[in-house]
PDB file of N, CA and C in Angstrom:
ATOM      1  N   MET A   1       9.025   7.696   5.061  1.00  0.00           N
ATOM      2  CA  MET A   1       7.881   8.124   4.293  1.00  0.00           C
ATOM      3  C   MET A   1       6.680   8.215   5.221  1.00  0.00           C
ATOM      4  N   LYS A   2       5.845   9.185   4.966  1.00  0.00           N
ATOM      5  CA  LYS A   2       4.634   9.380   5.761  1.00  0.00           C
ATOM      6  C   LYS A   2       3.539   8.449   5.238  1.00  0.00           C
ATOM      7  N   VAL A   3       3.061   7.560   6.115  1.00  0.00           N
ATOM      8  CA  VAL A   3       1.979   6.649   5.758  1.00  0.00           C
ATOM      9  C   VAL A   3       0.754   7.037   6.570  1.00  0.00           C
ATOM     10  N   ASN A   4      -0.294   7.449   5.875  1.00  0.00           N
ATOM     11  CA  ASN A   4      -1.542   7.825   6.521  1.00  0.00           C
ATOM     12  C   ASN A   4      -2.469   6.614   6.477  1.00  0.00           C
ATOM     13  N   THR A   5      -2.715   5.975   7.621  1.00  0.00           N
ATOM     14  CA  THR A   5      -3.532   4.766   7.680  1.00  0.00           C
ATOM     15  C   THR A   5      -4.904   5.103   8.239  1.00  0.00           C
ATOM     16  N   GLN A   6      -5.931   4.708   7.500  1.00  0.00           N
ATOM     17  CA  GLN A   6      -7.308   4.931   7.949  1.00  0.00           C
ATOM     18  C   GLN A   6      -8.041   3.602   7.964  1.00  0.00           C
ATOM     19  N   SER A   7      -8.659   3.289   9.087  1.00  0.00           N
ATOM     20  CA  SER A   7      -9.469   2.076   9.169  1.00  0.00           C
ATOM     21  C   SER A   7     -10.935   2.482   9.175  1.00  0.00           C
ATOM     22  N   VAL A   8     -11.701   1.893   8.274  1.00  0.00           N
ATOM     23  CA  VAL A   8     -13.100   2.254   8.094  1.00  0.00           C
ATOM     24  C   VAL A   8     -13.980   1.258   8.856  1.00  0.00           C
ATOM     25  N   ASN A   9     -14.837   1.767   9.725  1.00  0.00           N
ATOM     26  CA  ASN A   9     -15.812   0.978  10.500  1.00  0.00           C
ATOM     27  C   ASN A   9     -15.194   0.053  11.551  1.00  0.00           C
ATOM     28  N   PHE A  10     -13.936   0.228  11.883  1.00  0.00           N
ATOM     29  CA  PHE A  10     -13.323  -0.506  12.985  1.00  0.00           C
ATOM     30  C   PHE A  10     -12.061   0.225  13.407  1.00  0.00           C
ATOM     31  N   ASN A  11     -11.521  -0.152  14.568  1.00  0.00           N
ATOM     32  CA  ASN A  11     -10.297   0.468  15.076  1.00  0.00           C
ATOM     33  C   ASN A  11      -9.128  -0.497  14.881  1.00  0.00           C
ATOM     34  N   ALA A  12      -8.134  -0.057  14.124  1.00  0.00           N
ATOM     35  CA  ALA A  12      -6.948  -0.883  13.898  1.00  0.00           C
ATOM     36  C   ALA A  12      -6.020  -0.768  15.104  1.00  0.00           C
ATOM     37  N   ASP A  13      -5.453  -1.896  15.530  1.00  0.00           N
ATOM     38  CA  ASP A  13      -4.529  -1.843  16.663  1.00  0.00           C
ATOM     39  C   ASP A  13      -3.154  -1.362  16.202  1.00  0.00           C
ATOM     40  N   GLN A  14      -2.351  -0.960  17.141  1.00  0.00           N
ATOM     41  CA  GLN A  14      -1.058  -0.332  16.847  1.00  0.00           C
ATOM     42  C   GLN A  14      -0.098  -1.301  16.153  1.00  0.00           C
ATOM     43  N   LYS A  15      -0.183  -2.597  16.485  1.00  0.00           N
ATOM     44  CA  LYS A  15       0.693  -3.576  15.847  1.00  0.00           C
ATOM     45  C   LYS A  15       0.442  -3.636  14.344  1.00  0.00           C
ATOM     46  N   LEU A  16      -0.815  -3.580  13.943  1.00  0.00           N
ATOM     47  CA  LEU A  16      -1.159  -3.612  12.522  1.00  0.00           C
ATOM     48  C   LEU A  16      -0.658  -2.352  11.818  1.00  0.00           C
ATOM     49  N   ILE A  17      -0.835  -1.205  12.448  1.00  0.00           N
ATOM     50  CA  ILE A  17      -0.383   0.069  11.861  1.00  0.00           C
ATOM     51  C   ILE A  17       1.140   0.074  11.722  1.00  0.00           C
ATOM     52  N   ASP A  18       1.851  -0.440  12.728  1.00  0.00           N
ATOM     53  CA  ASP A  18       3.316  -0.515  12.654  1.00  0.00           C
ATOM     54  C   ASP A  18       3.760  -1.458  11.536  1.00  0.00           C
ATOM     55  N   PHE A  19       3.051  -2.583  11.402  1.00  0.00           N
ATOM     56  CA  PHE A  19       3.362  -3.554  10.352  1.00  0.00           C
ATOM     57  C   PHE A  19       3.222  -2.912   8.974  1.00  0.00           C
ATOM     58  N   ILE A  20       2.129  -2.190   8.767  1.00  0.00           N
ATOM     59  CA  ILE A  20       1.882  -1.533   7.483  1.00  0.00           C
ATOM     60  C   ILE A  20       2.940  -0.463   7.218  1.00  0.00           C
ATOM     61  N   GLN A  21       3.294   0.308   8.246  1.00  0.00           N
ATOM     62  CA  GLN A  21       4.334   1.342   8.108  1.00  0.00           C
ATOM     63  C   GLN A  21       5.656   0.712   7.666  1.00  0.00           C
ATOM     64  N   LYS A  22       6.010  -0.416   8.295  1.00  0.00           N
ATOM     65  CA  LYS A  22       7.270  -1.078   7.971  1.00  0.00           C
ATOM     66  C   LYS A  22       7.271  -1.586   6.536  1.00  0.00           C
ATOM     67  N   ARG A  23       6.169  -2.173   6.110  1.00  0.00           N
ATOM     68  CA  ARG A  23       6.058  -2.685   4.740  1.00  0.00           C
ATOM     69  C   ARG A  23       6.116  -1.547   3.711  1.00  0.00           C
ATOM     70  N   MET A  24       5.398  -0.475   3.990  1.00  0.00           N
ATOM     71  CA  MET A  24       5.357   0.632   3.034  1.00  0.00           C
ATOM     72  C   MET A  24       6.710   1.349   2.965  1.00  0.00           C
ATOM     73  N   ASP A  25       7.454   1.365   4.080  1.00  0.00           N
ATOM     74  CA  ASP A  25       8.777   1.989   4.070  1.00  0.00           C
ATOM     75  C   ASP A  25       9.724   1.279   3.109  1.00  0.00           C
ATOM     76  N   LYS A  26       9.492  -0.009   2.868  1.00  0.00           N
ATOM     77  CA  LYS A  26      10.362  -0.759   1.961  1.00  0.00           C
ATOM     78  C   LYS A  26      10.264  -0.250   0.521  1.00  0.00           C
ATOM     79  N   LEU A  27       9.168   0.431   0.205  1.00  0.00           N
ATOM     80  CA  LEU A  27       9.009   0.936  -1.158  1.00  0.00           C
ATOM     81  C   LEU A  27      10.056   1.982  -1.492  1.00  0.00           C
ATOM     82  N   GLU A  28      10.560   2.676  -0.490  1.00  0.00           N
ATOM     83  CA  GLU A  28      11.579   3.703  -0.737  1.00  0.00           C
ATOM     84  C   GLU A  28      12.896   3.103  -1.220  1.00  0.00           C
ATOM     85  N   LEU A  29      13.099   1.804  -1.010  1.00  0.00           N
ATOM     86  CA  LEU A  29      14.298   1.145  -1.525  1.00  0.00           C
ATOM     87  C   LEU A  29      14.260   1.084  -3.056  1.00  0.00           C
ATOM     88  N   TYR A  30      13.069   1.034  -3.619  1.00  0.00           N
ATOM     89  CA  TYR A  30      12.923   0.868  -5.061  1.00  0.00           C
ATOM     90  C   TYR A  30      12.738   2.192  -5.794  1.00  0.00           C
ATOM     91  N   TYR A  31      12.172   3.165  -5.103  1.00  0.00           N
ATOM     92  CA  TYR A  31      11.959   4.474  -5.722  1.00  0.00           C
ATOM     93  C   TYR A  31      12.002   5.513  -4.610  1.00  0.00           C
ATOM     94  N   ASP A  32      13.045   6.341  -4.593  1.00  0.00           N
ATOM     95  CA  ASP A  32      13.286   7.220  -3.450  1.00  0.00           C
ATOM     96  C   ASP A  32      12.504   8.530  -3.489  1.00  0.00           C
ATOM     97  N   LYS A  33      11.724   8.767  -4.537  1.00  0.00           N
ATOM     98  CA  LYS A  33      10.984  10.023  -4.640  1.00  0.00           C
ATOM     99  C   LYS A  33       9.535   9.897  -4.193  1.00  0.00           C
ATOM    100  N   VAL A  34       9.212   8.883  -3.397  1.00  0.00           N
ATOM    101  CA  VAL A  34       7.847   8.701  -2.903  1.00  0.00           C
ATOM    102  C   VAL A  34       7.530   9.834  -1.928  1.00  0.00           C
ATOM    103  N   ILE A  35       6.424  10.547  -2.161  1.00  0.00           N
ATOM    104  CA  ILE A  35       6.044  11.676  -1.319  1.00  0.00           C
ATOM    105  C   ILE A  35       5.307  11.196  -0.077  1.00  0.00           C
ATOM    106  N   LYS A  36       4.218  10.465  -0.296  1.00  0.00           N
ATOM    107  CA  LYS A  36       3.426   9.962   0.825  1.00  0.00           C
ATOM    108  C   LYS A  36       2.595   8.792   0.350  1.00  0.00           C
ATOM    109  N   SER A  37       1.979   8.105   1.291  1.00  0.00           N
ATOM    110  CA  SER A  37       1.069   7.031   0.917  1.00  0.00           C
ATOM    111  C   SER A  37      -0.130   7.036   1.857  1.00  0.00           C
ATOM    112  N   ASP A  38      -1.279   6.743   1.295  1.00  0.00           N
ATOM    113  CA  ASP A  38      -2.516   6.629   2.050  1.00  0.00           C
ATOM    114  C   ASP A  38      -2.960   5.175   2.006  1.00  0.00           C
ATOM    115  N   VAL A  39      -3.287   4.636   3.170  1.00  0.00           N
ATOM    116  CA  VAL A  39      -3.741   3.246   3.260  1.00  0.00           C
ATOM    117  C   VAL A  39      -5.134   3.240   3.867  1.00  0.00           C
ATOM    118  N   PHE A  40      -6.041   2.516   3.215  1.00  0.00           N
ATOM    119  CA  PHE A  40      -7.408   2.387   3.710  1.00  0.00           C
ATOM    120  C   PHE A  40      -7.677   0.925   4.022  1.00  0.00           C
ATOM    121  N   LEU A  41      -8.101   0.649   5.243  1.00  0.00           N
ATOM    122  CA  LEU A  41      -8.434  -0.705   5.668  1.00  0.00           C
ATOM    123  C   LEU A  41      -9.943  -0.783   5.848  1.00  0.00           C
ATOM    124  N   LYS A  42     -10.570  -1.744   5.166  1.00  0.00           N
ATOM    125  CA  LYS A  42     -12.022  -1.878   5.252  1.00  0.00           C
ATOM    126  C   LYS A  42     -12.376  -3.340   5.503  1.00  0.00           C
ATOM    127  N   VAL A  43     -13.489  -3.558   6.213  1.00  0.00           N
ATOM    128  CA  VAL A  43     -14.007  -4.902   6.427  1.00  0.00           C
ATOM    129  C   VAL A  43     -15.388  -4.970   5.811  1.00  0.00           C
ATOM    130  N   GLU A  44     -15.583  -5.923   4.897  1.00  0.00           N
ATOM    131  CA  GLU A  44     -16.890  -6.105   4.272  1.00  0.00           C
ATOM    132  C   GLU A  44     -17.766  -6.970   5.165  1.00  0.00           C
ATOM    133  N   ASN A  45     -19.061  -6.716   5.144  1.00  0.00           N
ATOM    134  CA  ASN A  45     -20.005  -7.527   5.904  1.00  0.00           C
ATOM    135  C   ASN A  45     -20.515  -8.668   5.029  1.00  0.00           C
ATOM    136  N   THR A  46     -19.662  -9.662   4.809  1.00  0.00           N
ATOM    137  CA  THR A  46     -20.062 -10.831   4.033  1.00  0.00           C
ATOM    138  C   THR A  46     -19.695 -12.081   4.801  1.00  0.00           C
ATOM    139  N   SER A  47     -20.214 -13.216   4.351  1.00  0.00           N
ATOM    140  CA  SER A  47     -19.888 -14.482   5.015  1.00  0.00           C
ATOM    141  C   SER A  47     -18.598 -15.083   4.467  1.00  0.00           C
ATOM    142  N   ASP A  48     -18.022 -14.451   3.432  1.00  0.00           N
ATOM    143  CA  ASP A  48     -16.754 -14.937   2.879  1.00  0.00           C
ATOM    144  C   ASP A  48     -15.630 -14.768   3.883  1.00  0.00           C
ATOM    145  N   LYS A  49     -14.613 -15.650   3.763  1.00  0.00           N
ATOM    146  CA  LYS A  49     -13.440 -15.502   4.629  1.00  0.00           C
ATOM    147  C   LYS A  49     -12.581 -14.340   4.147  1.00  0.00           C
ATOM    148  N   GLU A  50     -12.596 -14.106   2.839  1.00  0.00           N
ATOM    149  CA  GLU A  50     -11.815 -12.994   2.279  1.00  0.00           C
ATOM    150  C   GLU A  50     -12.675 -11.739   2.293  1.00  0.00           C
ATOM    151  N   ASN A  51     -12.780 -11.107   3.466  1.00  0.00           N
ATOM    152  CA  ASN A  51     -13.618  -9.918   3.583  1.00  0.00           C
ATOM    153  C   ASN A  51     -12.840  -8.678   3.992  1.00  0.00           C
ATOM    154  N   LYS A  52     -11.519  -8.746   3.983  1.00  0.00           N
ATOM    155  CA  LYS A  52     -10.678  -7.602   4.346  1.00  0.00           C
ATOM    156  C   LYS A  52     -10.190  -6.918   3.067  1.00  0.00           C
ATOM    157  N   ILE A  53     -10.402  -5.625   2.978  1.00  0.00           N
ATOM    158  CA  ILE A  53      -9.971  -4.866   1.802  1.00  0.00           C
ATOM    159  C   ILE A  53      -8.825  -3.952   2.210  1.00  0.00           C
ATOM    160  N   PHE A  54      -7.687  -4.097   1.535  1.00  0.00           N
ATOM    161  CA  PHE A  54      -6.500  -3.274   1.763  1.00  0.00           C
ATOM    162  C   PHE A  54      -6.304  -2.436   0.512  1.00  0.00           C
ATOM    163  N   GLU A  55      -6.415  -1.120   0.661  1.00  0.00           N
ATOM    164  CA  GLU A  55      -6.253  -0.216  -0.475  1.00  0.00           C
ATOM    165  C   GLU A  55      -5.129   0.758  -0.157  1.00  0.00           C
ATOM    166  N   ALA A  56      -4.190   0.897  -1.083  1.00  0.00           N
ATOM    167  CA  ALA A  56      -3.052   1.790  -0.867  1.00  0.00           C
ATOM    168  C   ALA A  56      -2.909   2.733  -2.055  1.00  0.00           C
ATOM    169  N   ARG A  57      -2.651   4.000  -1.762  1.00  0.00           N
ATOM    170  CA  ARG A  57      -2.394   5.015  -2.786  1.00  0.00           C
ATOM    171  C   ARG A  57      -1.038   5.628  -2.475  1.00  0.00           C
ATOM    172  N   VAL A  58      -0.102   5.480  -3.409  1.00  0.00           N
ATOM    173  CA  VAL A  58       1.253   6.002  -3.233  1.00  0.00           C
ATOM    174  C   VAL A  58       1.440   7.178  -4.178  1.00  0.00           C
ATOM    175  N   SER A  59       1.832   8.332  -3.625  1.00  0.00           N
ATOM    176  CA  SER A  59       2.029   9.538  -4.426  1.00  0.00           C
ATOM    177  C   SER A  59       3.503   9.743  -4.717  1.00  0.00           C
ATOM    178  N   VAL A  60       3.797   9.909  -5.997  1.00  0.00           N
ATOM    179  CA  VAL A  60       5.148  10.250  -6.446  1.00  0.00           C
ATOM    180  C   VAL A  60       5.012  11.519  -7.285  1.00  0.00           C
ATOM    181  N   PRO A  61       6.095  12.234  -7.521  1.00  0.00           N
ATOM    182  CA  PRO A  61       5.983  13.475  -8.291  1.00  0.00           C
ATOM    183  C   PRO A  61       5.350  13.231  -9.664  1.00  0.00           C
ATOM    184  N   GLY A  62       4.223  13.887  -9.904  1.00  0.00           N
ATOM    185  CA  GLY A  62       3.564  13.798 -11.192  1.00  0.00           C
ATOM    186  C   GLY A  62       2.642  12.607 -11.385  1.00  0.00           C
ATOM    187  N   ASP A  63       2.498  11.745 -10.405  1.00  0.00           N
ATOM    188  CA  ASP A  63       1.678  10.551 -10.596  1.00  0.00           C
ATOM    189  C   ASP A  63       1.304   9.959  -9.248  1.00  0.00           C
ATOM    190  N   SER A  64       0.381   9.014  -9.257  1.00  0.00           N
ATOM    191  CA  SER A  64       0.077   8.252  -8.046  1.00  0.00           C
ATOM    192  C   SER A  64      -0.346   6.858  -8.462  1.00  0.00           C
ATOM    193  N   PHE A  65      -0.027   5.895  -7.630  1.00  0.00           N
ATOM    194  CA  PHE A  65      -0.336   4.500  -7.897  1.00  0.00           C
ATOM    195  C   PHE A  65      -1.349   4.023  -6.868  1.00  0.00           C
ATOM    196  N   VAL A  66      -2.369   3.297  -7.334  1.00  0.00           N
ATOM    197  CA  VAL A  66      -3.401   2.780  -6.443  1.00  0.00           C
ATOM    198  C   VAL A  66      -3.459   1.267  -6.586  1.00  0.00           C
ATOM    199  N   VAL A  67      -3.466   0.575  -5.437  1.00  0.00           N
ATOM    200  CA  VAL A  67      -3.578  -0.878  -5.429  1.00  0.00           C
ATOM    201  C   VAL A  67      -4.661  -1.249  -4.438  1.00  0.00           C
ATOM    202  N   LYS A  68      -5.522  -2.176  -4.859  1.00  0.00           N
ATOM    203  CA  LYS A  68      -6.608  -2.629  -3.988  1.00  0.00           C
ATOM    204  C   LYS A  68      -6.560  -4.151  -3.930  1.00  0.00           C
ATOM    205  N   LYS A  69      -6.478  -4.709  -2.719  1.00  0.00           N
ATOM    206  CA  LYS A  69      -6.403  -6.153  -2.540  1.00  0.00           C
ATOM    207  C   LYS A  69      -7.480  -6.613  -1.563  1.00  0.00           C
ATOM    208  N   VAL A  70      -8.094  -7.749  -1.862  1.00  0.00           N
ATOM    209  CA  VAL A  70      -9.079  -8.368  -0.976  1.00  0.00           C
ATOM    210  C   VAL A  70      -8.475  -9.671  -0.486  1.00  0.00           C
ATOM    211  N   CYS A  71      -8.310  -9.806   0.843  1.00  0.00           N
ATOM    212  CA  CYS A  71      -7.634 -10.961   1.416  1.00  0.00           C
ATOM    213  C   CYS A  71      -8.302 -11.403   2.708  1.00  0.00           C
ATOM    214  N   LYS A  72      -7.737 -12.473   3.285  1.00  0.00           N
ATOM    215  CA  LYS A  72      -8.248 -12.976   4.565  1.00  0.00           C
ATOM    216  C   LYS A  72      -7.785 -12.122   5.729  1.00  0.00           C
ATOM    217  N   THR A  73      -6.547 -11.614   5.644  1.00  0.00           N
ATOM    218  CA  THR A  73      -6.012 -10.769   6.715  1.00  0.00           C
ATOM    219  C   THR A  73      -5.429  -9.501   6.105  1.00  0.00           C
ATOM    220  N   PHE A  74      -5.330  -8.465   6.925  1.00  0.00           N
ATOM    221  CA  PHE A  74      -4.744  -7.214   6.443  1.00  0.00           C
ATOM    222  C   PHE A  74      -3.255  -7.368   6.191  1.00  0.00           C
ATOM    223  N   GLU A  75      -2.588  -8.239   6.949  1.00  0.00           N
ATOM    224  CA  GLU A  75      -1.154  -8.458   6.744  1.00  0.00           C
ATOM    225  C   GLU A  75      -0.900  -9.054   5.358  1.00  0.00           C
ATOM    226  N   GLU A  76      -1.738 -10.030   4.990  1.00  0.00           N
ATOM    227  CA  GLU A  76      -1.622 -10.648   3.670  1.00  0.00           C
ATOM    228  C   GLU A  76      -1.880  -9.616   2.575  1.00  0.00           C
ATOM    229  N   GLY A  77      -2.882  -8.771   2.789  1.00  0.00           N
ATOM    230  CA  GLY A  77      -3.192  -7.712   1.835  1.00  0.00           C
ATOM    231  C   GLY A  77      -2.060  -6.720   1.702  1.00  0.00           C
ATOM    232  N   ALA A  78      -1.439  -6.371   2.829  1.00  0.00           N
ATOM    233  CA  ALA A  78      -0.312  -5.433   2.808  1.00  0.00           C
ATOM    234  C   ALA A  78       0.850  -6.022   2.013  1.00  0.00           C
ATOM    235  N   ASP A  79       1.150  -7.295   2.239  1.00  0.00           N
ATOM    236  CA  ASP A  79       2.255  -7.931   1.517  1.00  0.00           C
ATOM    237  C   ASP A  79       2.028  -7.936   0.015  1.00  0.00           C
ATOM    238  N   SER A  80       0.827  -8.354  -0.412  1.00  0.00           N
ATOM    239  CA  SER A  80       0.580  -8.437  -1.851  1.00  0.00           C
ATOM    240  C   SER A  80       0.490  -7.041  -2.484  1.00  0.00           C
ATOM    241  N   ALA A  81      -0.060  -6.068  -1.752  1.00  0.00           N
ATOM    242  CA  ALA A  81      -0.139  -4.708  -2.283  1.00  0.00           C
ATOM    243  C   ALA A  81       1.251  -4.108  -2.432  1.00  0.00           C
ATOM    244  N   VAL A  82       2.114  -4.320  -1.460  1.00  0.00           N
ATOM    245  CA  VAL A  82       3.472  -3.779  -1.534  1.00  0.00           C
ATOM    246  C   VAL A  82       4.229  -4.425  -2.691  1.00  0.00           C
ATOM    247  N   ASN A  83       3.994  -5.725  -2.921  1.00  0.00           N
ATOM    248  CA  ASN A  83       4.648  -6.379  -4.066  1.00  0.00           C
ATOM    249  C   ASN A  83       4.197  -5.746  -5.383  1.00  0.00           C
ATOM    250  N   SER A  84       2.909  -5.472  -5.510  1.00  0.00           N
ATOM    251  CA  SER A  84       2.393  -4.842  -6.729  1.00  0.00           C
ATOM    252  C   SER A  84       2.959  -3.432  -6.899  1.00  0.00           C
ATOM    253  N   LEU A  85       2.975  -2.670  -5.817  1.00  0.00           N
ATOM    254  CA  LEU A  85       3.516  -1.309  -5.877  1.00  0.00           C
ATOM    255  C   LEU A  85       5.001  -1.320  -6.208  1.00  0.00           C
ATOM    256  N   GLU A  86       5.699  -2.309  -5.675  1.00  0.00           N
ATOM    257  CA  GLU A  86       7.125  -2.456  -5.940  1.00  0.00           C
ATOM    258  C   GLU A  86       7.367  -2.588  -7.450  1.00  0.00           C
ATOM    259  N   ARG A  87       6.590  -3.451  -8.102  1.00  0.00           N
ATOM    260  CA  ARG A  87       6.727  -3.641  -9.554  1.00  0.00           C
ATOM    261  C   ARG A  87       6.415  -2.349 -10.307  1.00  0.00           C
ATOM    262  N   GLN A  88       5.348  -1.660  -9.897  1.00  0.00           N
ATOM    263  CA  GLN A  88       4.968  -0.425 -10.582  1.00  0.00           C
ATOM    264  C   GLN A  88       6.031   0.655 -10.424  1.00  0.00           C
ATOM    265  N   LEU A  89       6.608   0.756  -9.230  1.00  0.00           N
ATOM    266  CA  LEU A  89       7.639   1.775  -8.999  1.00  0.00           C
ATOM    267  C   LEU A  89       8.916   1.461  -9.781  1.00  0.00           C
ATOM    268  N   LYS A  90       9.277   0.177  -9.860  1.00  0.00           N
ATOM    269  CA  LYS A  90      10.452  -0.209 -10.638  1.00  0.00           C
ATOM    270  C   LYS A  90      10.247   0.131 -12.107  1.00  0.00           C
ATOM    271  N   LYS A  91       9.038  -0.134 -12.612  1.00  0.00           N
ATOM    272  CA  LYS A  91       8.729   0.154 -14.015  1.00  0.00           C
ATOM    273  C   LYS A  91       8.810   1.657 -14.284  1.00  0.00           C
ATOM    274  N   ARG A  92       8.300   2.457 -13.358  1.00  0.00           N
ATOM    275  CA  ARG A  92       8.343   3.921 -13.519  1.00  0.00           C
ATOM    276  C   ARG A  92       9.781   4.412 -13.516  1.00  0.00           C
ATOM    277  N   LYS A  93      10.596   3.859 -12.635  1.00  0.00           N
ATOM    278  CA  LYS A  93      11.990   4.272 -12.545  1.00  0.00           C
ATOM    279  C   LYS A  93      12.728   3.948 -13.854  1.00  0.00           C
ATOM    280  N   GLN A  94      12.432   2.781 -14.427  1.00  0.00           N
ATOM    281  CA  GLN A  94      13.066   2.412 -15.697  1.00  0.00           C
ATOM    282  C   GLN A  94      12.627   3.340 -16.826  1.00  0.00           C
ATOM    283  N   LYS A  95      11.350   3.733 -16.839  1.00  0.00           N
ATOM    284  CA  LYS A  95      10.871   4.657 -17.867  1.00  0.00           C
ATOM    285  C   LYS A  95      11.565   6.005 -17.738  1.00  0.00           C
ATOM    286  N   LEU A  96      11.721   6.485 -16.501  1.00  0.00           N
ATOM    287  CA  LEU A  96      12.392   7.770 -16.299  1.00  0.00           C
ATOM    288  C   LEU A  96      13.847   7.705 -16.726  1.00  0.00           C
ATOM    289  N   ARG A  97      14.506   6.578 -16.500  1.00  0.00           N
ATOM    290  CA  ARG A  97      15.905   6.431 -16.923  1.00  0.00           C
ATOM    291  C   ARG A  97      16.032   6.442 -18.431  1.00  0.00           C
ATOM    292  N   ALA A  98      15.017   5.924 -19.109  1.00  0.00           N
ATOM    293  CA  ALA A  98      15.060   5.876 -20.582  1.00  0.00           C
ATOM    294  C   ALA A  98      15.061   7.276 -21.172  1.00  0.00           C
ATOM    295  N   TYR A  99      14.456   8.232 -20.478  1.00  0.00           N
ATOM    296  CA  TYR A  99      14.407   9.611 -20.973  1.00  0.00           C
ATOM    297  C   TYR A  99      15.695  10.380 -20.702  1.00  0.00           C
ATOM    298  N   LEU A 100      16.538   9.898 -19.820  1.00  0.00           N
ATOM    299  CA  LEU A 100      17.769  10.617 -19.506  1.00  0.00           C
ATOM    300  C   LEU A 100      18.866  10.354 -20.497  1.00  0.00           C
TER     301      LEU A 100
END
């Protein structure tokens, strides 16, 4: 799957981009009709430790799913976002099966 990763106001290193690609590729195990996904990495200027924003938009035929997570690290955000997307994709697949 094509994962378009954009980091806002900073440069993401290649290890982080590879990590996100690997995590997002796992979504195809649950729903094989995923077209593409866009990932936005942002850092807030706050004194909080949880200042990393991980936002993912996954496009499937006829719909798209958006998940936004605020965490301490981008890796943690990627994990929790992929878990949320996993549940949403499974639910969509079950709904489509009900119509068949």
